[in-house]
Amino acid sequence: MLLAFTDQGTGPVVVLLHGFPLSRAMWAGQIREWSGSYRVIAPDLRGHGESPAPDAVYTMDLMADDVVELLDGLGLAEPVVVGGLSMGGYVALALALKHPNRVRGLMLVDTRAAADEPETARRREENAKAVLAAGHPGAMVETMLPRLFSRSTFRRRPGIVPPIQAVMAETTAAGVAGALRGMACRPDRREQLREIACPTLVAVGEEDVISPPDEAKAIAEALPDGRLAVIPLAGHLSPYENPEAFDAAALAFLRDLHPHA
């Protein structure tokens, strides 16, 4: 699939994968700040942003293959750093396991390695059907917002919430349903974490209630070469809620991978 994407800067390549139901717009701050030293590539995953939204189940492996196809199209055969938030983290994890030769380093941000609980998977299917029936994700977006952002963000920086809400509301019904169904059927990756040999940064918002810090800590400890960064004053969208702290942790990790960048 031909994905829409941003490609900015020169230097070692960093690929950033957004969460659900967002777009590459969530990485605007990182693209701006990091592209002075790195080539930052941020695609819209299938069904999101400006990328096509076919009527299908978007499995994490399928979306990982889309990203590899994009890298192939750009002539990037050498291993790159891949970072993903939430659903993007599921895709990054799938990519690292399915195409390990393409990944130089991994950033798993506000994400999980476990599969959905049956009840969670059932709710995703209910939401998929409701969004398709409505023709838009409006009601689902309203219920998601309070859990995406930390209480600190709502108190300190409420103005950053509406832009994310607008991006979510623009996601097509087909895209939302395809991603929901793909996340619901994703496998449990916890036992496979030991197979990931590349250096990995596991970052999590201190107030993330969707993929909490304890879960991130367990992922970092299960990885052969994992490090944990807990981002203060942030929830499930830590790179967007507290970009200063997230960027400091991510850029330190990237500098260790590429000392001369």
C-alpha atoms as a PDB file:
ATOM      1  CA  MET A   1       0.000   0.000   0.000  1.00  0.00           C
ATOM      2  CA  LEU A   2       1.210   3.495  -0.854  1.00  0.00           C
ATOM      3  CA  LEU A   3       1.238   5.370   2.472  1.00  0.00           C
ATOM      4  CA  ALA A   4       1.182   9.133   2.882  1.00  0.00           C
ATOM      5  CA  PHE A   5       4.276  10.239   4.774  1.00  0.00           C
ATOM      6  CA  THR A   6       6.530  13.075   5.875  1.00  0.00           C
ATOM      7  CA  ASP A   7      10.264  12.756   5.156  1.00  0.00           C
ATOM      8  CA  GLN A   8      12.346  15.538   6.690  1.00  0.00           C
ATOM      9  CA  GLY A   9      15.989  16.071   7.562  1.00  0.00           C
ATOM     10  CA  THR A  10      19.229  14.234   6.808  1.00  0.00           C
ATOM     11  CA  GLY A  11      21.280  11.759   8.793  1.00  0.00           C
ATOM     12  CA  PRO A  12      20.455   8.407  10.398  1.00  0.00           C
ATOM     13  CA  VAL A  13      16.866   7.383   9.664  1.00  0.00           C
ATOM     14  CA  VAL A  14      14.196   7.390  12.376  1.00  0.00           C
ATOM     15  CA  VAL A  15      10.713   6.113  11.491  1.00  0.00           C
ATOM     16  CA  LEU A  16       7.852   7.263  13.739  1.00  0.00           C
ATOM     17  CA  LEU A  17       4.517   5.413  13.831  1.00  0.00           C
ATOM     18  CA  HIS A  18       1.467   7.141  15.298  1.00  0.00           C
ATOM     19  CA  GLY A  19      -1.259   5.809  17.581  1.00  0.00           C
ATOM     20  CA  PHE A  20      -4.964   5.101  16.998  1.00  0.00           C
ATOM     21  CA  PRO A  21      -6.947   6.799  15.515  1.00  0.00           C
ATOM     22  CA  LEU A  22      -4.397   9.518  14.873  1.00  0.00           C
ATOM     23  CA  SER A  23      -1.996  10.452  12.068  1.00  0.00           C
ATOM     24  CA  ARG A  24       1.586  11.547  11.569  1.00  0.00           C
ATOM     25  CA  ALA A  25       0.433  14.998  12.768  1.00  0.00           C
ATOM     26  CA  MET A  26       0.977  13.823  16.360  1.00  0.00           C
ATOM     27  CA  TRP A  27       4.748  13.711  15.689  1.00  0.00           C
ATOM     28  CA  ALA A  28       4.977  17.293  14.343  1.00  0.00           C
ATOM     29  CA  GLY A  29       7.064  18.460  17.308  1.00  0.00           C
ATOM     30  CA  GLN A  30       9.508  15.560  17.033  1.00  0.00           C
ATOM     31  CA  ILE A  31       9.817  15.981  13.244  1.00  0.00           C
ATOM     32  CA  ARG A  32      10.650  19.641  13.753  1.00  0.00           C
ATOM     33  CA  GLU A  33      13.110  19.117  16.601  1.00  0.00           C
ATOM     34  CA  TRP A  34      14.854  15.936  15.467  1.00  0.00           C
ATOM     35  CA  SER A  35      15.255  16.655  11.756  1.00  0.00           C
ATOM     36  CA  GLY A  36      18.287  18.846  12.400  1.00  0.00           C
ATOM     37  CA  SER A  37      20.296  15.695  13.173  1.00  0.00           C
ATOM     38  CA  TYR A  38      18.204  12.818  11.778  1.00  0.00           C
ATOM     39  CA  ARG A  39      16.151  11.921   8.742  1.00  0.00           C
ATOM     40  CA  VAL A  40      12.692  11.555  10.251  1.00  0.00           C
ATOM     41  CA  ILE A  41      10.107   9.571   8.292  1.00  0.00           C
ATOM     42  CA  ALA A  42       6.563   9.583   9.669  1.00  0.00           C
ATOM     43  CA  PRO A  43       3.891   7.734   7.667  1.00  0.00           C
ATOM     44  CA  ASP A  44       0.143   7.727   8.075  1.00  0.00           C
ATOM     45  CA  LEU A  45      -0.617   4.069   8.747  1.00  0.00           C
ATOM     46  CA  ARG A  46      -3.289   2.497   6.549  1.00  0.00           C
ATOM     47  CA  GLY A  47      -6.758   3.827   7.313  1.00  0.00           C
ATOM     48  CA  HIS A  48      -5.387   6.939   9.029  1.00  0.00           C
ATOM     49  CA  GLY A  49      -4.553  10.485   7.979  1.00  0.00           C
ATOM     50  CA  GLU A  50      -4.068  10.771   4.234  1.00  0.00           C
ATOM     51  CA  SER A  51      -3.413   7.075   3.590  1.00  0.00           C
ATOM     52  CA  PRO A  52      -6.035   4.833   1.922  1.00  0.00           C
ATOM     53  CA  ALA A  53      -8.632   3.132   4.129  1.00  0.00           C
ATOM     54  CA  PRO A  54      -9.664  -0.175   2.537  1.00  0.00           C
ATOM     55  CA  ASP A  55     -12.456  -2.263   4.037  1.00  0.00           C
ATOM     56  CA  ALA A  56     -10.324  -4.909   5.740  1.00  0.00           C
ATOM     57  CA  VAL A  57      -8.859  -6.057   9.041  1.00  0.00           C
ATOM     58  CA  TYR A  58      -5.619  -4.155   9.533  1.00  0.00           C
ATOM     59  CA  THR A  59      -3.429  -6.664  11.344  1.00  0.00           C
ATOM     60  CA  MET A  60      -0.275  -5.401  12.984  1.00  0.00           C
ATOM     61  CA  ASP A  61       1.838  -7.573  10.655  1.00  0.00           C
ATOM     62  CA  LEU A  62       0.054  -6.108   7.634  1.00  0.00           C
ATOM     63  CA  MET A  63       0.728  -2.564   8.798  1.00  0.00           C
ATOM     64  CA  ALA A  64       4.348  -3.492   9.523  1.00  0.00           C
ATOM     65  CA  ASP A  65       4.646  -4.780   5.958  1.00  0.00           C
ATOM     66  CA  ASP A  66       3.246  -1.446   4.726  1.00  0.00           C
ATOM     67  CA  VAL A  67       6.069   0.371   6.537  1.00  0.00           C
ATOM     68  CA  VAL A  68       8.710  -1.957   5.065  1.00  0.00           C
ATOM     69  CA  GLU A  69       7.191  -1.370   1.621  1.00  0.00           C
ATOM     70  CA  LEU A  70       7.535   2.382   2.197  1.00  0.00           C
ATOM     71  CA  LEU A  71      11.188   1.989   3.190  1.00  0.00           C
ATOM     72  CA  ASP A  72      11.784  -0.153   0.095  1.00  0.00           C
ATOM     73  CA  GLY A  73      10.160   2.501  -2.051  1.00  0.00           C
ATOM     74  CA  LEU A  74      12.506   5.102  -0.582  1.00  0.00           C
ATOM     75  CA  GLY A  75      15.508   2.878  -1.292  1.00  0.00           C
ATOM     76  CA  LEU A  76      16.287   2.397   2.395  1.00  0.00           C
ATOM     77  CA  ALA A  77      17.656  -1.117   2.753  1.00  0.00           C
ATOM     78  CA  GLU A  78      19.903  -0.474   5.761  1.00  0.00           C
ATOM     79  CA  PRO A  79      18.506  -0.958   9.290  1.00  0.00           C
ATOM     80  CA  VAL A  80      16.687   2.057  10.743  1.00  0.00           C
ATOM     81  CA  VAL A  81      15.356   3.111  14.128  1.00  0.00           C
ATOM     82  CA  VAL A  82      11.614   2.484  14.412  1.00  0.00           C
ATOM     83  CA  GLY A  83       9.505   4.138  17.089  1.00  0.00           C
ATOM     84  CA  GLY A  84       5.809   3.660  17.661  1.00  0.00           C
ATOM     85  CA  LEU A  85       3.207   4.929  20.095  1.00  0.00           C
ATOM     86  CA  SER A  86       0.341   2.723  21.293  1.00  0.00           C
ATOM     87  CA  MET A  87      -0.992   1.043  18.112  1.00  0.00           C
ATOM     88  CA  GLY A  88       2.153   2.289  16.384  1.00  0.00           C
ATOM     89  CA  GLY A  89       4.086   0.424  19.073  1.00  0.00           C
ATOM     90  CA  TYR A  90       2.240  -2.777  18.200  1.00  0.00           C
ATOM     91  CA  VAL A  91       3.233  -2.209  14.576  1.00  0.00           C
ATOM     92  CA  ALA A  92       6.849  -1.418  15.514  1.00  0.00           C
ATOM     93  CA  LEU A  93       7.000  -4.601  17.592  1.00  0.00           C
ATOM     94  CA  ALA A  94       5.572  -6.649  14.719  1.00  0.00           C
ATOM     95  CA  LEU A  95       8.116  -5.096  12.346  1.00  0.00           C
ATOM     96  CA  ALA A  96      11.050  -5.848  14.668  1.00  0.00           C
ATOM     97  CA  LEU A  97       9.976  -9.487  15.001  1.00  0.00           C
ATOM     98  CA  LYS A  98       9.046 -10.088  11.354  1.00  0.00           C
ATOM     99  CA  HIS A  99      11.826  -8.028   9.740  1.00  0.00           C
ATOM    100  CA  PRO A 100      14.642  -7.924  12.336  1.00  0.00           C
ATOM    101  CA  ASN A 101      17.250  -7.095   9.700  1.00  0.00           C
ATOM    102  CA  ARG A 102      15.470  -3.784   9.026  1.00  0.00           C
ATOM    103  CA  VAL A 103      15.610  -2.483  12.597  1.00  0.00           C
ATOM    104  CA  ARG A 104      18.699  -0.815  14.118  1.00  0.00           C
ATOM    105  CA  GLY A 105      16.903   0.290  17.268  1.00  0.00           C
ATOM    106  CA  LEU A 106      13.380   0.315  18.631  1.00  0.00           C
ATOM    107  CA  MET A 107      11.319   2.827  20.601  1.00  0.00           C
ATOM    108  CA  LEU A 108       8.161   1.420  22.189  1.00  0.00           C
ATOM    109  CA  VAL A 109       6.116   4.332  23.503  1.00  0.00           C
ATOM    110  CA  ASP A 110       2.999   4.073  25.674  1.00  0.00           C
ATOM    111  CA  THR A 111       2.285   0.627  24.300  1.00  0.00           C
ATOM    112  CA  ARG A 112       1.778  -2.986  25.364  1.00  0.00           C
ATOM    113  CA  ALA A 113       3.229  -6.389  24.493  1.00  0.00           C
ATOM    114  CA  ALA A 114       0.236  -8.380  25.761  1.00  0.00           C
ATOM    115  CA  ALA A 115      -2.761  -9.286  23.607  1.00  0.00           C
ATOM    116  CA  ASP A 116      -6.213  -7.869  24.296  1.00  0.00           C
ATOM    117  CA  GLU A 117      -8.228  -9.450  27.061  1.00  0.00           C
ATOM    118  CA  PRO A 118     -11.380 -11.088  25.619  1.00  0.00           C
ATOM    119  CA  GLU A 119     -13.561  -8.303  27.025  1.00  0.00           C
ATOM    120  CA  THR A 120     -11.361  -5.618  25.440  1.00  0.00           C
ATOM    121  CA  ALA A 121     -11.454  -7.419  22.086  1.00  0.00           C
ATOM    122  CA  ARG A 122     -15.250  -7.651  22.343  1.00  0.00           C
ATOM    123  CA  ARG A 123     -15.536  -3.907  23.013  1.00  0.00           C
ATOM    124  CA  ARG A 124     -13.325  -3.172  20.012  1.00  0.00           C
ATOM    125  CA  GLU A 125     -15.695  -5.168  17.782  1.00  0.00           C
ATOM    126  CA  GLU A 126     -18.694  -3.348  19.240  1.00  0.00           C
ATOM    127  CA  ASN A 127     -16.995  -0.008  18.596  1.00  0.00           C
ATOM    128  CA  ALA A 128     -16.090  -1.035  15.042  1.00  0.00           C
ATOM    129  CA  LYS A 129     -19.729  -1.884  14.295  1.00  0.00           C
ATOM    130  CA  ALA A 130     -20.995   1.321  15.933  1.00  0.00           C
ATOM    131  CA  VAL A 131     -18.562   3.536  14.006  1.00  0.00           C
ATOM    132  CA  LEU A 132     -19.423   1.852  10.708  1.00  0.00           C
ATOM    133  CA  ALA A 133     -23.143   2.269  11.428  1.00  0.00           C
ATOM    134  CA  ALA A 134     -22.690   5.961  12.291  1.00  0.00           C
ATOM    135  CA  GLY A 135     -20.315   6.605   9.405  1.00  0.00           C
ATOM    136  CA  HIS A 136     -17.923   8.545  11.651  1.00  0.00           C
ATOM    137  CA  PRO A 137     -15.999   7.991  14.901  1.00  0.00           C
ATOM    138  CA  GLY A 138     -17.429  10.976  16.817  1.00  0.00           C
ATOM    139  CA  ALA A 139     -18.962   9.128  19.777  1.00  0.00           C
ATOM    140  CA  MET A 140     -15.933   6.879  20.189  1.00  0.00           C
ATOM    141  CA  VAL A 141     -13.578   9.869  20.141  1.00  0.00           C
ATOM    142  CA  GLU A 142     -15.544  11.527  22.954  1.00  0.00           C
ATOM    143  CA  THR A 143     -15.181   8.447  25.167  1.00  0.00           C
ATOM    144  CA  MET A 144     -11.474   8.006  24.349  1.00  0.00           C
ATOM    145  CA  LEU A 145     -10.258  11.534  25.074  1.00  0.00           C
ATOM    146  CA  PRO A 146     -10.407  11.475  28.899  1.00  0.00           C
ATOM    147  CA  ARG A 147      -8.225   8.348  28.961  1.00  0.00           C
ATOM    148  CA  LEU A 148      -5.682   9.514  26.374  1.00  0.00           C
ATOM    149  CA  PHE A 149      -4.482  12.574  28.253  1.00  0.00           C
ATOM    150  CA  SER A 150      -3.210  12.867  31.787  1.00  0.00           C
ATOM    151  CA  ARG A 151      -4.957  14.887  34.462  1.00  0.00           C
ATOM    152  CA  SER A 152      -1.861  17.096  34.442  1.00  0.00           C
ATOM    153  CA  THR A 153      -2.433  17.916  30.766  1.00  0.00           C
ATOM    154  CA  PHE A 154      -6.108  18.754  31.266  1.00  0.00           C
ATOM    155  CA  ARG A 155      -5.095  21.004  34.159  1.00  0.00           C
ATOM    156  CA  ARG A 156      -1.923  22.609  32.759  1.00  0.00           C
ATOM    157  CA  ARG A 157      -2.263  22.507  28.959  1.00  0.00           C
ATOM    158  CA  PRO A 158      -5.924  21.988  27.960  1.00  0.00           C
ATOM    159  CA  GLY A 159      -5.296  23.803  24.685  1.00  0.00           C
ATOM    160  CA  ILE A 160      -3.349  20.865  23.224  1.00  0.00           C
ATOM    161  CA  VAL A 161      -6.366  18.537  23.427  1.00  0.00           C
ATOM    162  CA  PRO A 162      -8.593  19.945  20.606  1.00  0.00           C
ATOM    163  CA  PRO A 163      -6.017  19.465  17.797  1.00  0.00           C
ATOM    164  CA  ILE A 164      -5.747  15.755  18.641  1.00  0.00           C
ATOM    165  CA  GLN A 165      -9.526  15.497  18.901  1.00  0.00           C
ATOM    166  CA  ALA A 166      -9.818  17.001  15.420  1.00  0.00           C
ATOM    167  CA  VAL A 167      -7.346  14.502  13.938  1.00  0.00           C
ATOM    168  CA  MET A 168      -9.228  11.612  15.518  1.00  0.00           C
ATOM    169  CA  ALA A 169     -12.586  12.870  14.311  1.00  0.00           C
ATOM    170  CA  GLU A 170     -11.313  13.023  10.717  1.00  0.00           C
ATOM    171  CA  THR A 171     -10.370   9.335  10.642  1.00  0.00           C
ATOM    172  CA  THR A 172     -12.740   7.419   8.365  1.00  0.00           C
ATOM    173  CA  ALA A 173     -15.164   4.830   9.701  1.00  0.00           C
ATOM    174  CA  ALA A 174     -13.493   2.150   7.573  1.00  0.00           C
ATOM    175  CA  GLY A 175     -10.080   3.089   8.927  1.00  0.00           C
ATOM    176  CA  VAL A 176     -11.252   3.032  12.543  1.00  0.00           C
ATOM    177  CA  ALA A 177     -12.986  -0.344  12.108  1.00  0.00           C
ATOM    178  CA  GLY A 178     -10.031  -1.905  10.299  1.00  0.00           C
ATOM    179  CA  ALA A 179      -7.601  -0.825  13.009  1.00  0.00           C
ATOM    180  CA  LEU A 180      -9.908  -1.832  15.881  1.00  0.00           C
ATOM    181  CA  ARG A 181     -10.329  -5.314  14.445  1.00  0.00           C
ATOM    182  CA  GLY A 182      -6.594  -5.622  13.781  1.00  0.00           C
ATOM    183  CA  MET A 183      -5.710  -4.653  17.339  1.00  0.00           C
ATOM    184  CA  ALA A 184      -8.313  -7.059  18.730  1.00  0.00           C
ATOM    185  CA  CYS A 185      -6.713 -10.051  17.017  1.00  0.00           C
ATOM    186  CA  ARG A 186      -3.062  -9.177  17.627  1.00  0.00           C
ATOM    187  CA  PRO A 187      -0.995 -11.913  19.307  1.00  0.00           C
ATOM    188  CA  ASP A 188       0.569 -11.814  22.744  1.00  0.00           C
ATOM    189  CA  ARG A 189       4.182 -10.762  22.152  1.00  0.00           C
ATOM    190  CA  ARG A 190       5.492 -10.986  25.722  1.00  0.00           C
ATOM    191  CA  GLU A 191       7.339 -14.268  25.218  1.00  0.00           C
ATOM    192  CA  GLN A 192       8.826 -12.960  21.967  1.00  0.00           C
ATOM    193  CA  LEU A 193      10.410  -9.897  23.563  1.00  0.00           C
ATOM    194  CA  ARG A 194      13.535 -11.955  24.308  1.00  0.00           C
ATOM    195  CA  GLU A 195      14.025 -12.373  20.531  1.00  0.00           C
ATOM    196  CA  ILE A 196      14.537  -8.632  20.001  1.00  0.00           C
ATOM    197  CA  ALA A 197      18.288  -8.137  20.065  1.00  0.00           C
ATOM    198  CA  CYS A 198      18.435  -4.471  19.065  1.00  0.00           C
ATOM    199  CA  PRO A 199      18.647  -1.684  21.682  1.00  0.00           C
ATOM    200  CA  THR A 200      15.146  -0.645  22.728  1.00  0.00           C
ATOM    201  CA  LEU A 201      13.816   2.394  24.553  1.00  0.00           C
ATOM    202  CA  VAL A 202      10.541   1.800  26.372  1.00  0.00           C
ATOM    203  CA  ALA A 203       8.937   5.166  27.173  1.00  0.00           C
ATOM    204  CA  VAL A 204       5.713   5.702  29.088  1.00  0.00           C
ATOM    205  CA  GLY A 205       3.755   8.602  30.504  1.00  0.00           C
ATOM    206  CA  GLU A 206       3.828   8.637  34.294  1.00  0.00           C
ATOM    207  CA  GLU A 207       0.025   9.002  34.305  1.00  0.00           C
ATOM    208  CA  ASP A 208      -0.762   6.609  31.433  1.00  0.00           C
ATOM    209  CA  VAL A 209      -3.872   4.625  32.426  1.00  0.00           C
ATOM    210  CA  ILE A 210      -4.107   2.660  29.142  1.00  0.00           C
ATOM    211  CA  SER A 211      -0.600   1.162  29.127  1.00  0.00           C
ATOM    212  CA  PRO A 212       0.647   1.972  32.635  1.00  0.00           C
ATOM    213  CA  PRO A 213       4.266   2.352  33.796  1.00  0.00           C
ATOM    214  CA  ASP A 214       4.330  -1.053  35.508  1.00  0.00           C
ATOM    215  CA  GLU A 215       3.595  -2.704  32.175  1.00  0.00           C
ATOM    216  CA  ALA A 216       6.285  -0.657  30.427  1.00  0.00           C
ATOM    217  CA  LYS A 217       8.783  -1.633  33.133  1.00  0.00           C
ATOM    218  CA  ALA A 218       7.993  -5.313  32.573  1.00  0.00           C
ATOM    219  CA  ILE A 219       8.572  -4.898  28.811  1.00  0.00           C
ATOM    220  CA  ALA A 220      11.919  -3.151  29.354  1.00  0.00           C
ATOM    221  CA  GLU A 221      13.058  -5.865  31.773  1.00  0.00           C
ATOM    222  CA  ALA A 222      12.054  -8.664  29.371  1.00  0.00           C
ATOM    223  CA  LEU A 223      14.068  -7.217  26.491  1.00  0.00           C
ATOM    224  CA  PRO A 224      17.726  -8.261  26.096  1.00  0.00           C
ATOM    225  CA  ASP A 225      18.765  -4.607  25.651  1.00  0.00           C
ATOM    226  CA  GLY A 226      15.916  -2.491  27.010  1.00  0.00           C
ATOM    227  CA  ARG A 227      15.892   0.791  28.878  1.00  0.00           C
ATOM    228  CA  LEU A 228      12.933   2.511  30.523  1.00  0.00           C
ATOM    229  CA  ALA A 229      12.019   6.198  30.472  1.00  0.00           C
ATOM    230  CA  VAL A 230       9.049   7.402  32.538  1.00  0.00           C
ATOM    231  CA  ILE A 231       7.789  10.742  31.222  1.00  0.00           C
ATOM    232  CA  PRO A 232       6.393  13.040  33.945  1.00  0.00           C
ATOM    233  CA  LEU A 233       3.200  15.082  33.590  1.00  0.00           C
ATOM    234  CA  ALA A 234       2.023  12.892  30.703  1.00  0.00           C
ATOM    235  CA  GLY A 235      -0.541  10.209  29.977  1.00  0.00           C
ATOM    236  CA  HIS A 236      -0.940   7.937  26.955  1.00  0.00           C
ATOM    237  CA  LEU A 237       0.341  10.546  24.476  1.00  0.00           C
ATOM    238  CA  SER A 238       3.606  11.311  26.243  1.00  0.00           C
ATOM    239  CA  PRO A 239       5.555  12.629  23.189  1.00  0.00           C
ATOM    240  CA  TYR A 240       2.755  15.132  22.560  1.00  0.00           C
ATOM    241  CA  GLU A 241       1.904  15.984  26.171  1.00  0.00           C
ATOM    242  CA  ASN A 242       5.469  16.502  27.416  1.00  0.00           C
ATOM    243  CA  PRO A 243       7.687  16.750  24.339  1.00  0.00           C
ATOM    244  CA  GLU A 244      10.579  18.270  26.252  1.00  0.00           C
ATOM    245  CA  ALA A 245      10.988  15.276  28.561  1.00  0.00           C
ATOM    246  CA  PHE A 246      10.197  12.710  25.876  1.00  0.00           C
ATOM    247  CA  ASP A 247      12.598  14.256  23.361  1.00  0.00           C
ATOM    248  CA  ALA A 248      15.392  14.339  25.952  1.00  0.00           C
ATOM    249  CA  ALA A 249      15.008  10.601  26.579  1.00  0.00           C
ATOM    250  CA  ALA A 250      14.601   9.699  22.907  1.00  0.00           C
ATOM    251  CA  LEU A 251      17.490  11.840  21.681  1.00  0.00           C
ATOM    252  CA  ALA A 252      19.806  10.422  24.364  1.00  0.00           C
ATOM    253  CA  PHE A 253      18.871   6.942  23.124  1.00  0.00           C
ATOM    254  CA  LEU A 254      19.465   7.955  19.496  1.00  0.00           C
ATOM    255  CA  ARG A 255      22.825   9.518  20.340  1.00  0.00           C
ATOM    256  CA  ASP A 256      23.928   6.252  21.934  1.00  0.00           C
ATOM    257  CA  LEU A 257      22.976   4.436  18.710  1.00  0.00           C
ATOM    258  CA  HIS A 258      24.547   7.056  16.444  1.00  0.00           C
ATOM    259  CA  PRO A 259      27.319   8.860  18.382  1.00  0.00           C
ATOM    260  CA  HIS A 260      28.451  10.844  15.347  1.00  0.00           C
ATOM    261  CA  ALA A 261      25.046  12.045  14.114  1.00  0.00           C
END
